[in-house]
Amino acid sequence: MNTTITRVPLEERQILRNLMELYQFETSVYENEDVGPLGLYPYRYFDHYWTEEGRHPFLVRCDALVEGRLHGLQVQGGIPSWCGAMTSSLALSW
């Protein structure tokens, strides 16, 4: 089994958005979220992962199949710039 974690290029952003929908559905009961008028859960910062410095979207693949996603955010304020935090994640298993 070969597991890889790669940055999500702009061309693959829809894969990440689809996984984000699953994550938001799973957490909606705790976050008191509901779908918007298009039947999707809103996430206003989604596009920021490709436009804002310090945000890092990743996909987790196992034997080339998408297994999950990670969102990383660079932490600042007294912490070295190479330090970061995973802000959310979703792991799938089949």
C-alpha atoms as a PDB file:
ATOM      1  CA  MET A   1       0.000   0.000   0.000  1.00  0.00           C
ATOM      2  CA  ASN A   2       1.432   3.362  -1.091  1.00  0.00           C
ATOM      3  CA  THR A   3       0.103   6.476   0.684  1.00  0.00           C
ATOM      4  CA  THR A   4       0.911   9.966  -0.551  1.00  0.00           C
ATOM      5  CA  ILE A   5       0.026  13.469   0.605  1.00  0.00           C
ATOM      6  CA  THR A   6       0.171  16.086  -2.140  1.00  0.00           C
ATOM      7  CA  ARG A   7      -0.734  19.729  -2.507  1.00  0.00           C
ATOM      8  CA  VAL A   8      -3.952  20.249  -4.426  1.00  0.00           C
ATOM      9  CA  PRO A   9      -3.374  22.153  -7.670  1.00  0.00           C
ATOM     10  CA  LEU A  10      -6.078  24.502  -8.867  1.00  0.00           C
ATOM     11  CA  GLU A  11      -7.080  21.974 -11.539  1.00  0.00           C
ATOM     12  CA  GLU A  12      -8.047  19.441  -8.815  1.00  0.00           C
ATOM     13  CA  ARG A  13      -9.884  21.832  -6.513  1.00  0.00           C
ATOM     14  CA  GLN A  14     -13.253  20.190  -7.277  1.00  0.00           C
ATOM     15  CA  ILE A  15     -12.013  16.936  -5.733  1.00  0.00           C
ATOM     16  CA  LEU A  16     -11.213  18.823  -2.549  1.00  0.00           C
ATOM     17  CA  ARG A  17     -14.575  20.625  -2.660  1.00  0.00           C
ATOM     18  CA  ASN A  18     -16.400  17.295  -2.966  1.00  0.00           C
ATOM     19  CA  LEU A  19     -14.561  15.953   0.075  1.00  0.00           C
ATOM     20  CA  MET A  20     -15.320  19.182   1.912  1.00  0.00           C
ATOM     21  CA  GLU A  21     -19.036  18.553   1.320  1.00  0.00           C
ATOM     22  CA  LEU A  22     -18.745  15.136   2.990  1.00  0.00           C
ATOM     23  CA  TYR A  23     -16.889  16.655   5.929  1.00  0.00           C
ATOM     24  CA  GLN A  24     -19.409  19.458   6.336  1.00  0.00           C
ATOM     25  CA  PHE A  25     -22.311  17.021   6.156  1.00  0.00           C
ATOM     26  CA  GLU A  26     -20.732  14.856   8.870  1.00  0.00           C
ATOM     27  CA  THR A  27     -20.087  17.824  11.163  1.00  0.00           C
ATOM     28  CA  SER A  28     -23.275  19.776  10.375  1.00  0.00           C
ATOM     29  CA  VAL A  29     -25.109  18.315  13.361  1.00  0.00           C
ATOM     30  CA  TYR A  30     -22.409  19.692  15.692  1.00  0.00           C
ATOM     31  CA  GLU A  31     -21.849  22.963  13.853  1.00  0.00           C
ATOM     32  CA  ASN A  32     -25.575  23.687  13.409  1.00  0.00           C
ATOM     33  CA  GLU A  33     -24.990  24.166   9.666  1.00  0.00           C
ATOM     34  CA  ASP A  34     -27.525  23.677   6.908  1.00  0.00           C
ATOM     35  CA  VAL A  35     -27.222  23.574   3.141  1.00  0.00           C
ATOM     36  CA  GLY A  36     -27.480  26.780   1.144  1.00  0.00           C
ATOM     37  CA  PRO A  37     -29.861  27.538  -1.735  1.00  0.00           C
ATOM     38  CA  LEU A  38     -27.819  25.368  -4.148  1.00  0.00           C
ATOM     39  CA  GLY A  39     -27.923  22.364  -1.820  1.00  0.00           C
ATOM     40  CA  LEU A  40     -24.298  22.789  -0.758  1.00  0.00           C
ATOM     41  CA  TYR A  41     -22.744  23.627   2.577  1.00  0.00           C
ATOM     42  CA  PRO A  42     -21.173  27.068   2.402  1.00  0.00           C
ATOM     43  CA  TYR A  43     -17.473  27.466   3.153  1.00  0.00           C
ATOM     44  CA  ARG A  44     -16.485  31.038   2.438  1.00  0.00           C
ATOM     45  CA  TYR A  45     -12.737  30.449   2.766  1.00  0.00           C
ATOM     46  CA  PHE A  46     -12.496  27.576   0.255  1.00  0.00           C
ATOM     47  CA  ASP A  47     -11.040  29.618  -2.629  1.00  0.00           C
ATOM     48  CA  HIS A  48      -8.603  31.265  -0.212  1.00  0.00           C
ATOM     49  CA  TYR A  49      -6.516  28.070  -0.221  1.00  0.00           C
ATOM     50  CA  TRP A  50      -5.325  29.042  -3.716  1.00  0.00           C
ATOM     51  CA  THR A  51      -5.205  32.816  -3.305  1.00  0.00           C
ATOM     52  CA  GLU A  52      -4.070  33.513   0.259  1.00  0.00           C
ATOM     53  CA  GLU A  53      -0.497  33.023   1.383  1.00  0.00           C
ATOM     54  CA  GLY A  54      -0.129  30.623   4.290  1.00  0.00           C
ATOM     55  CA  ARG A  55      -3.064  28.319   3.396  1.00  0.00           C
ATOM     56  CA  HIS A  56      -2.218  24.835   2.138  1.00  0.00           C
ATOM     57  CA  PRO A  57      -4.729  22.317   0.688  1.00  0.00           C
ATOM     58  CA  PHE A  58      -3.657  18.650   0.514  1.00  0.00           C
ATOM     59  CA  LEU A  59      -5.113  15.387  -0.759  1.00  0.00           C
ATOM     60  CA  VAL A  60      -4.313  12.027   0.774  1.00  0.00           C
ATOM     61  CA  ARG A  61      -4.153   9.167  -1.711  1.00  0.00           C
ATOM     62  CA  CYS A  62      -3.670   5.474  -1.078  1.00  0.00           C
ATOM     63  CA  ASP A  63      -2.603   3.463  -4.123  1.00  0.00           C
ATOM     64  CA  ALA A  64      -3.691   6.451  -6.266  1.00  0.00           C
ATOM     65  CA  LEU A  65      -7.244   6.478  -4.818  1.00  0.00           C
ATOM     66  CA  VAL A  66      -8.367   9.576  -2.942  1.00  0.00           C
ATOM     67  CA  GLU A  67      -8.566   8.701   0.752  1.00  0.00           C
ATOM     68  CA  GLY A  68      -9.016  12.081   2.364  1.00  0.00           C
ATOM     69  CA  ARG A  69      -8.046  15.708   2.596  1.00  0.00           C
ATOM     70  CA  LEU A  70      -6.124  18.005   4.888  1.00  0.00           C
ATOM     71  CA  HIS A  71      -6.197  21.766   5.239  1.00  0.00           C
ATOM     72  CA  GLY A  72      -3.088  23.357   6.619  1.00  0.00           C
ATOM     73  CA  LEU A  73      -2.704  26.889   7.838  1.00  0.00           C
ATOM     74  CA  GLN A  74       0.644  28.534   8.481  1.00  0.00           C
ATOM     75  CA  VAL A  75       0.850  29.699  12.078  1.00  0.00           C
ATOM     76  CA  GLN A  76       2.417  33.037  12.913  1.00  0.00           C
ATOM     77  CA  GLY A  77       2.796  35.253  15.937  1.00  0.00           C
ATOM     78  CA  GLY A  78       5.961  34.174  17.721  1.00  0.00           C
ATOM     79  CA  ILE A  79       6.007  30.716  16.148  1.00  0.00           C
ATOM     80  CA  PRO A  80       8.575  29.965  13.427  1.00  0.00           C
ATOM     81  CA  SER A  81       7.116  30.358   9.940  1.00  0.00           C
ATOM     82  CA  TRP A  82       7.770  26.696   9.127  1.00  0.00           C
ATOM     83  CA  CYS A  83       5.382  25.620  11.887  1.00  0.00           C
ATOM     84  CA  GLY A  84       1.804  25.071  10.897  1.00  0.00           C
ATOM     85  CA  ALA A  85      -1.451  23.581  12.023  1.00  0.00           C
ATOM     86  CA  MET A  86      -3.861  21.229  10.343  1.00  0.00           C
ATOM     87  CA  THR A  87      -7.155  23.071  10.498  1.00  0.00           C
ATOM     88  CA  SER A  88      -9.372  20.229   9.343  1.00  0.00           C
ATOM     89  CA  SER A  89      -9.163  16.738   7.934  1.00  0.00           C
ATOM     90  CA  LEU A  90     -11.303  13.945   6.546  1.00  0.00           C
ATOM     91  CA  ALA A  91     -10.259  10.335   6.130  1.00  0.00           C
ATOM     92  CA  LEU A  92     -12.213   7.885   4.019  1.00  0.00           C
ATOM     93  CA  SER A  93     -11.926   4.133   4.111  1.00  0.00           C
ATOM     94  CA  TRP A  94     -13.415   1.534   1.834  1.00  0.00           C
END
